Amino acid sequence: MPIETAKDLLFIVLAFCAIWLTIFLSWLLYYWMALFRDAESLVRQVKNAVTKVEEVTHTIKDKFEHSAASFTIIAQAVKEVVMWAMQERAQKRRAGKKKISLQEE
C-alpha cells in the first residue's frame, strides 16, 4: 500500500489522530471515573463520620437526661438522710439535757 497522493497521506495522518484521540479520551475517561470513585468514597467516609458524631451526641444527651433524673432522686434521698440525722441529733440533745436536769435534782 504505497502512498500515491497527498490525499492518502492525509487519511493516514487522520487515522493516527483518531487513534491518539481515542487513547486520550479513554485515558481521560478512566481518570474521571477514578476521580468520581474517590469522591464517592470520601462522601461515604464523611457520612459515616457524621453518623458517628450524631450517635455520640445522642448517647451523651441520653446519659445527661438519665443522670439528671437520677440526680433528683439521689438529692431527695440525701435530703431525707440529712433530715433524719438532724432529728436524731436533736433527740440526743434533748435526752442529754433531761439527764443533766435529773442529775441536778
N, C-alpha and C. Protein backbone atom coordinates (compact mmCIF):
# COMPACT_ATOMS: atom_id res chain seq x y z
N MET A 1 0.83 -1.16 0.00
CA MET A 1 0.00 0.00 0.00
C MET A 1 0.89 1.25 0.00
N PRO A 2 1.37 1.60 -1.09
CA PRO A 2 2.21 2.80 -1.19
C PRO A 2 1.36 4.07 -1.13
N ILE A 3 2.00 5.12 -0.70
CA ILE A 3 1.33 6.42 -0.63
C ILE A 3 1.51 7.06 -1.99
N GLU A 4 0.40 7.20 -2.71
CA GLU A 4 0.49 7.74 -4.07
C GLU A 4 0.14 9.21 -4.12
N THR A 5 -0.79 9.66 -3.30
CA THR A 5 -1.20 11.06 -3.38
C THR A 5 -1.17 11.67 -1.98
N ALA A 6 -1.34 12.95 -1.98
CA ALA A 6 -1.40 13.69 -0.72
C ALA A 6 -2.65 13.31 0.06
N LYS A 7 -3.68 12.92 -0.68
CA LYS A 7 -4.91 12.51 -0.04
C LYS A 7 -4.69 11.23 0.79
N ASP A 8 -3.88 10.31 0.29
CA ASP A 8 -3.57 9.08 1.03
C ASP A 8 -2.82 9.42 2.32
N LEU A 9 -1.87 10.34 2.22
CA LEU A 9 -1.12 10.77 3.39
C LEU A 9 -2.05 11.43 4.42
N LEU A 10 -3.00 12.22 3.95
CA LEU A 10 -3.97 12.87 4.83
C LEU A 10 -4.78 11.82 5.58
N PHE A 11 -5.24 10.78 4.89
CA PHE A 11 -6.02 9.74 5.53
C PHE A 11 -5.21 8.98 6.58
N ILE A 12 -3.95 8.74 6.31
CA ILE A 12 -3.08 8.06 7.28
C ILE A 12 -2.90 8.93 8.52
N VAL A 13 -2.65 10.21 8.33
CA VAL A 13 -2.49 11.14 9.45
C VAL A 13 -3.79 11.24 10.24
N LEU A 14 -4.92 11.31 9.55
CA LEU A 14 -6.21 11.37 10.23
C LEU A 14 -6.48 10.08 11.04
N ALA A 15 -6.07 8.95 10.49
CA ALA A 15 -6.24 7.68 11.20
C ALA A 15 -5.40 7.68 12.48
N PHE A 16 -4.14 8.13 12.41
CA PHE A 16 -3.31 8.22 13.62
C PHE A 16 -3.89 9.22 14.62
N CYS A 17 -4.41 10.33 14.11
CA CYS A 17 -5.04 11.31 15.01
C CYS A 17 -6.26 10.70 15.69
N ALA A 18 -7.05 9.94 14.96
CA ALA A 18 -8.22 9.30 15.54
C ALA A 18 -7.79 8.29 16.61
N ILE A 19 -6.72 7.54 16.34
CA ILE A 19 -6.21 6.58 17.33
C ILE A 19 -5.75 7.32 18.59
N TRP A 20 -4.96 8.38 18.42
CA TRP A 20 -4.48 9.14 19.58
C TRP A 20 -5.61 9.82 20.33
N LEU A 21 -6.59 10.32 19.59
CA LEU A 21 -7.75 10.94 20.24
C LEU A 21 -8.52 9.89 21.05
N THR A 22 -8.67 8.70 20.50
CA THR A 22 -9.35 7.62 21.21
C THR A 22 -8.59 7.23 22.47
N ILE A 23 -7.27 7.12 22.36
CA ILE A 23 -6.45 6.78 23.52
C ILE A 23 -6.56 7.87 24.59
N PHE A 24 -6.48 9.13 24.15
CA PHE A 24 -6.57 10.24 25.10
C PHE A 24 -7.93 10.26 25.79
N LEU A 25 -9.01 10.10 25.03
CA LEU A 25 -10.34 10.12 25.62
C LEU A 25 -10.55 8.93 26.57
N SER A 26 -9.99 7.78 26.22
CA SER A 26 -10.08 6.62 27.11
C SER A 26 -9.33 6.88 28.41
N TRP A 27 -8.12 7.45 28.30
CA TRP A 27 -7.33 7.80 29.47
C TRP A 27 -8.08 8.83 30.33
N LEU A 28 -8.64 9.86 29.68
CA LEU A 28 -9.38 10.90 30.38
C LEU A 28 -10.61 10.31 31.09
N LEU A 29 -11.33 9.44 30.41
CA LEU A 29 -12.50 8.80 30.99
C LEU A 29 -12.11 7.94 32.19
N TYR A 30 -10.99 7.23 32.09
CA TYR A 30 -10.51 6.41 33.20
C TYR A 30 -10.21 7.28 34.43
N TYR A 31 -9.52 8.39 34.24
CA TYR A 31 -9.19 9.25 35.36
C TYR A 31 -10.41 9.95 35.93
N TRP A 32 -11.38 10.30 35.09
CA TRP A 32 -12.62 10.88 35.61
C TRP A 32 -13.36 9.86 36.47
N MET A 33 -13.40 8.62 36.00
CA MET A 33 -14.05 7.58 36.79
C MET A 33 -13.31 7.37 38.11
N ALA A 34 -12.00 7.38 38.08
CA ALA A 34 -11.23 7.23 39.31
C ALA A 34 -11.49 8.41 40.25
N LEU A 35 -11.57 9.61 39.70
CA LEU A 35 -11.86 10.80 40.49
C LEU A 35 -13.23 10.70 41.14
N PHE A 36 -14.23 10.31 40.38
CA PHE A 36 -15.58 10.18 40.93
C PHE A 36 -15.67 9.04 41.95
N ARG A 37 -14.92 7.97 41.73
CA ARG A 37 -14.90 6.87 42.69
C ARG A 37 -14.30 7.35 44.01
N ASP A 38 -13.19 8.11 43.93
CA ASP A 38 -12.57 8.64 45.14
C ASP A 38 -13.49 9.65 45.84
N ALA A 39 -14.17 10.47 45.04
CA ALA A 39 -15.10 11.44 45.62
C ALA A 39 -16.25 10.72 46.32
N GLU A 40 -16.76 9.67 45.71
CA GLU A 40 -17.84 8.90 46.32
C GLU A 40 -17.36 8.24 47.61
N SER A 41 -16.15 7.74 47.60
CA SER A 41 -15.57 7.14 48.81
C SER A 41 -15.42 8.19 49.91
N LEU A 42 -14.97 9.37 49.54
CA LEU A 42 -14.82 10.46 50.50
C LEU A 42 -16.17 10.85 51.09
N VAL A 43 -17.19 10.95 50.25
CA VAL A 43 -18.53 11.30 50.72
C VAL A 43 -19.04 10.22 51.68
N ARG A 44 -18.79 8.96 51.36
CA ARG A 44 -19.21 7.87 52.24
C ARG A 44 -18.51 7.97 53.60
N GLN A 45 -17.22 8.27 53.60
CA GLN A 45 -16.48 8.40 54.85
C GLN A 45 -17.01 9.57 55.68
N VAL A 46 -17.31 10.68 55.01
CA VAL A 46 -17.85 11.84 55.73
C VAL A 46 -19.22 11.50 56.31
N LYS A 47 -20.04 10.79 55.54
CA LYS A 47 -21.35 10.39 56.06
C LYS A 47 -21.20 9.50 57.28
N ASN A 48 -20.26 8.56 57.24
CA ASN A 48 -20.02 7.68 58.38
C ASN A 48 -19.56 8.48 59.59
N ALA A 49 -18.67 9.44 59.37
CA ALA A 49 -18.17 10.26 60.47
C ALA A 49 -19.30 11.09 61.08
N VAL A 50 -20.14 11.66 60.24
CA VAL A 50 -21.27 12.46 60.74
C VAL A 50 -22.24 11.57 61.50
N THR A 51 -22.48 10.38 61.00
CA THR A 51 -23.36 9.44 61.70
C THR A 51 -22.80 9.09 63.07
N LYS A 52 -21.50 8.83 63.14
CA LYS A 52 -20.88 8.51 64.43
C LYS A 52 -20.98 9.69 65.40
N VAL A 53 -20.77 10.91 64.90
CA VAL A 53 -20.87 12.10 65.75
C VAL A 53 -22.31 12.24 66.26
N GLU A 54 -23.29 12.01 65.38
CA GLU A 54 -24.68 12.08 65.81
C GLU A 54 -24.98 11.03 66.88
N GLU A 55 -24.47 9.83 66.69
CA GLU A 55 -24.70 8.78 67.68
C GLU A 55 -24.09 9.16 69.02
N VAL A 56 -22.89 9.71 69.00
CA VAL A 56 -22.23 10.11 70.24
C VAL A 56 -23.02 11.23 70.92
N THR A 57 -23.47 12.21 70.15
CA THR A 57 -24.24 13.30 70.76
C THR A 57 -25.55 12.80 71.34
N HIS A 58 -26.21 11.87 70.64
CA HIS A 58 -27.45 11.30 71.19
C HIS A 58 -27.17 10.51 72.47
N THR A 59 -26.08 9.76 72.47
CA THR A 59 -25.71 9.00 73.66
C THR A 59 -25.44 9.93 74.83
N ILE A 60 -24.67 10.98 74.58
CA ILE A 60 -24.36 11.94 75.64
C ILE A 60 -25.64 12.60 76.14
N LYS A 61 -26.51 12.98 75.21
CA LYS A 61 -27.78 13.60 75.59
C LYS A 61 -28.60 12.66 76.46
N ASP A 62 -28.70 11.41 76.04
CA ASP A 62 -29.45 10.43 76.83
C ASP A 62 -28.84 10.24 78.21
N LYS A 63 -27.52 10.17 78.29
CA LYS A 63 -26.86 10.00 79.58
C LYS A 63 -27.13 11.20 80.49
N PHE A 64 -27.09 12.40 79.92
CA PHE A 64 -27.39 13.58 80.73
C PHE A 64 -28.83 13.57 81.21
N GLU A 65 -29.76 13.17 80.34
CA GLU A 65 -31.16 13.12 80.75
C GLU A 65 -31.37 12.10 81.86
N HIS A 66 -30.77 10.94 81.71
CA HIS A 66 -30.92 9.91 82.73
C HIS A 66 -30.21 10.30 84.03
N SER A 67 -29.06 10.93 83.90
CA SER A 67 -28.34 11.33 85.11
C SER A 67 -29.08 12.46 85.81
N ALA A 68 -29.73 13.33 85.05
CA ALA A 68 -30.50 14.40 85.69
C ALA A 68 -31.68 13.82 86.46
N ALA A 69 -32.33 12.82 85.89
CA ALA A 69 -33.44 12.18 86.59
C ALA A 69 -32.92 11.45 87.83
N SER A 70 -31.80 10.78 87.68
CA SER A 70 -31.21 10.07 88.82
C SER A 70 -30.74 11.06 89.88
N PHE A 71 -30.23 12.19 89.45
CA PHE A 71 -29.73 13.18 90.39
C PHE A 71 -30.83 13.70 91.28
N THR A 72 -32.02 13.92 90.74
CA THR A 72 -33.12 14.41 91.57
C THR A 72 -33.51 13.36 92.61
N ILE A 73 -33.50 12.10 92.21
CA ILE A 73 -33.82 11.03 93.17
C ILE A 73 -32.76 10.96 94.25
N ILE A 74 -31.50 11.03 93.85
CA ILE A 74 -30.39 10.98 94.83
C ILE A 74 -30.44 12.19 95.75
N ALA A 75 -30.72 13.36 95.19
CA ALA A 75 -30.80 14.57 96.01
C ALA A 75 -31.92 14.46 97.04
N GLN A 76 -33.05 13.91 96.63
CA GLN A 76 -34.16 13.72 97.56
C GLN A 76 -33.77 12.74 98.67
N ALA A 77 -33.07 11.66 98.30
CA ALA A 77 -32.64 10.67 99.30
C ALA A 77 -31.65 11.29 100.28
N VAL A 78 -30.70 12.08 99.80
CA VAL A 78 -29.73 12.75 100.67
C VAL A 78 -30.45 13.71 101.61
N LYS A 79 -31.44 14.42 101.07
CA LYS A 79 -32.21 15.35 101.90
C LYS A 79 -32.91 14.60 103.03
N GLU A 80 -33.49 13.45 102.72
CA GLU A 80 -34.17 12.65 103.75
C GLU A 80 -33.17 12.17 104.81
N VAL A 81 -31.99 11.73 104.36
CA VAL A 81 -30.97 11.25 105.32
C VAL A 81 -30.50 12.39 106.22
N VAL A 82 -30.29 13.56 105.66
CA VAL A 82 -29.85 14.72 106.45
C VAL A 82 -30.94 15.10 107.45
N MET A 83 -32.18 15.10 107.01
CA MET A 83 -33.28 15.43 107.93
C MET A 83 -33.36 14.41 109.07
N TRP A 84 -33.22 13.14 108.77
CA TRP A 84 -33.24 12.10 109.79
C TRP A 84 -32.09 12.29 110.78
N ALA A 85 -30.86 12.59 110.22
CA ALA A 85 -29.70 12.80 111.08
C ALA A 85 -29.91 14.01 112.00
N MET A 86 -30.51 15.07 111.48
CA MET A 86 -30.76 16.26 112.29
C MET A 86 -31.77 15.95 113.40
N GLN A 87 -32.80 15.16 113.08
CA GLN A 87 -33.78 14.79 114.09
C GLN A 87 -33.14 13.92 115.19
N GLU A 88 -32.32 12.98 114.79
CA GLU A 88 -31.63 12.13 115.75
C GLU A 88 -30.73 12.95 116.66
N ARG A 89 -30.04 13.90 116.07
CA ARG A 89 -29.13 14.75 116.85
C ARG A 89 -29.93 15.58 117.85
N ALA A 90 -31.06 16.10 117.37
CA ALA A 90 -31.90 16.91 118.26
C ALA A 90 -32.44 16.05 119.41
N GLN A 91 -32.84 14.83 119.11
CA GLN A 91 -33.34 13.94 120.17
C GLN A 91 -32.25 13.62 121.18
N LYS A 92 -31.02 13.40 120.71
CA LYS A 92 -29.92 13.11 121.62
C LYS A 92 -29.64 14.32 122.52
N ARG A 93 -29.72 15.51 121.96
CA ARG A 93 -29.51 16.71 122.78
C ARG A 93 -30.58 16.82 123.86
N ARG A 94 -31.84 16.57 123.47
CA ARG A 94 -32.93 16.64 124.45
C ARG A 94 -32.75 15.58 125.54
N ALA A 95 -32.33 14.40 125.11
CA ALA A 95 -32.12 13.32 126.09
C ALA A 95 -30.97 13.68 127.02
N GLY A 96 -29.92 14.29 126.47
CA GLY A 96 -28.78 14.70 127.30
C GLY A 96 -29.16 15.78 128.27
N LYS A 97 -30.00 16.72 127.88
CA LYS A 97 -30.45 17.79 128.77
C LYS A 97 -31.33 17.23 129.88
N LYS A 98 -32.16 16.24 129.53
CA LYS A 98 -33.01 15.64 130.55
C LYS A 98 -32.16 14.93 131.60
N LYS A 99 -31.10 14.26 131.17
CA LYS A 99 -30.21 13.57 132.12
C LYS A 99 -29.54 14.56 133.04
N ILE A 100 -29.09 15.68 132.47
CA ILE A 100 -28.43 16.70 133.29
C ILE A 100 -29.41 17.28 134.28
N SER A 101 -30.63 17.54 133.85
CA SER A 101 -31.61 18.12 134.77
C SER A 101 -32.01 17.12 135.84
N LEU A 102 -32.06 15.84 135.53
CA LEU A 102 -32.38 14.82 136.54
C LEU A 102 -31.23 14.68 137.53
N GLN A 103 -30.02 14.81 137.08
CA GLN A 103 -28.86 14.68 137.99
C GLN A 103 -28.81 15.87 138.93
N GLU A 104 -29.19 17.04 138.50
CA GLU A 104 -29.16 18.23 139.34
C GLU A 104 -30.22 18.14 140.44
N GLU A 105 -31.28 17.46 140.20
CA GLU A 105 -32.35 17.40 141.19
C GLU A 105 -32.03 16.44 142.22
